[in-house]
């Protein structure tokens, strides 16, 4: 049986035990970390990627290091270095 997000939230709001909430929090954190690790594995050193900075400007960079939760990038032609979560990166195709 698959639950809707609304049903899940309703169940969570009914939890009264701190121990149960802690177990739930640990499970959510573990799932988050697994999904982040999976996202990070999609990239390798040398990959060209694009991402948007906080002002919405699209930047193009090269991955210098793949960290546990982020990728370290450098922007060619500048001294800028960034650490960006993999969910915000788009791999540039070999043709473009």
Protein backbone atom coordinates (compact mmCIF):
# COMPACT_ATOMS: atom_id res chain seq x y z
CA UNK A 1 0.00 0.00 0.00
CA UNK A 2 1.50 3.30 -1.06
CA UNK A 3 0.72 6.32 1.12
CA UNK A 4 0.24 9.86 -0.07
CA UNK A 5 2.46 12.59 1.36
CA UNK A 6 -0.57 13.99 3.19
CA UNK A 7 -1.15 10.62 4.87
CA UNK A 8 2.51 10.36 5.87
CA UNK A 9 2.46 13.85 7.40
CA UNK A 10 -0.76 13.02 9.26
CA UNK A 11 0.84 9.90 10.75
CA UNK A 12 3.95 11.86 11.76
CA UNK A 13 1.86 14.52 13.50
CA UNK A 14 0.19 11.80 15.58
CA UNK A 15 3.50 10.50 16.99
CA UNK A 16 3.74 11.36 20.67
CA UNK A 17 6.90 9.53 21.73
CA UNK A 18 10.26 11.29 21.48
CA UNK A 19 11.91 7.91 20.96
CA UNK A 20 9.67 7.20 17.97
CA UNK A 21 10.33 10.67 16.56
CA UNK A 22 14.08 10.13 16.95
CA UNK A 23 13.88 6.80 15.11
CA UNK A 24 11.89 8.48 12.35
CA UNK A 25 14.40 11.32 12.16
CA UNK A 26 17.30 8.84 11.92
CA UNK A 27 15.55 6.94 9.13
CA UNK A 28 14.88 10.14 7.17
CA UNK A 29 18.48 11.31 7.63
CA UNK A 30 19.83 7.93 6.46
CA UNK A 31 17.61 8.01 3.37
CA UNK A 32 18.65 11.60 2.62
CA UNK A 33 22.34 10.66 2.87
CA UNK A 34 21.87 7.67 0.55
CA UNK A 35 20.09 9.79 -2.07
CA UNK A 36 22.81 12.45 -1.82
CA UNK A 37 25.54 9.82 -2.21
CA UNK A 38 23.75 8.41 -5.26
CA UNK A 39 23.52 11.90 -6.79
CA UNK A 40 27.22 12.51 -6.15
CA UNK A 41 28.19 9.24 -7.88
CA UNK A 42 26.79 10.60 -11.16
CA UNK A 43 29.80 12.94 -11.46
CA UNK A 44 33.54 12.45 -11.88
CA UNK A 45 36.65 14.62 -11.80
CA UNK A 46 36.98 16.47 -15.10
CA UNK A 47 33.25 16.54 -15.88
CA UNK A 48 32.03 19.85 -17.24
CA UNK A 49 28.88 21.05 -15.51
CA UNK A 50 26.59 24.04 -15.33
CA UNK A 51 24.77 25.45 -12.31
CA UNK A 52 23.08 28.66 -11.23
CA UNK A 53 24.55 30.94 -8.59
CA UNK A 54 22.35 32.61 -5.95
CA UNK A 55 21.54 35.43 -8.40
CA UNK A 56 20.29 33.04 -11.06
CA UNK A 57 23.36 33.45 -13.28
CA UNK A 58 24.30 30.22 -15.06
CA UNK A 59 27.95 29.29 -14.56
CA UNK A 60 29.97 26.59 -16.27
CA UNK A 61 32.64 24.76 -14.32
CA UNK A 62 34.88 21.72 -14.22
CA UNK A 63 34.72 19.25 -11.35
CA UNK A 64 38.03 19.09 -9.49
CA UNK A 65 36.93 16.84 -6.66
CA UNK A 66 33.88 14.75 -5.80
CA UNK A 67 33.22 15.04 -2.09
CA UNK A 68 30.76 13.07 0.02
CA UNK A 69 27.95 15.65 -0.23
CA UNK A 70 29.24 18.19 -2.75
CA UNK A 71 31.40 18.58 -5.83
CA UNK A 72 34.30 21.04 -5.82
CA UNK A 73 34.42 23.04 -9.05
CA UNK A 74 36.58 25.64 -10.71
CA UNK A 75 35.36 28.12 -13.27
CA UNK A 76 37.72 28.11 -16.29
CA UNK A 77 39.26 31.50 -17.07
CA UNK A 78 38.76 32.77 -13.51
CA UNK A 79 40.00 32.07 -10.01
CA UNK A 80 36.52 31.17 -8.79
CA UNK A 81 36.05 27.91 -6.94
CA UNK A 82 32.71 26.54 -5.79
CA UNK A 83 31.38 23.65 -3.71
CA UNK A 84 27.98 22.71 -5.10
CA UNK A 85 25.52 20.00 -4.11
CA UNK A 86 25.09 17.53 -6.98
CA UNK A 87 21.35 18.18 -7.19
CA UNK A 88 22.14 21.67 -8.50
CA UNK A 89 24.56 20.49 -11.22
CA UNK A 90 23.82 19.63 -14.83
CA UNK A 91 26.41 17.66 -16.75
CA UNK A 92 27.38 19.29 -20.05
CA UNK A 93 27.23 16.85 -22.95
CA UNK A 94 30.40 16.07 -24.87
CA UNK A 95 28.90 17.83 -27.88
CA UNK A 96 28.08 21.07 -26.10
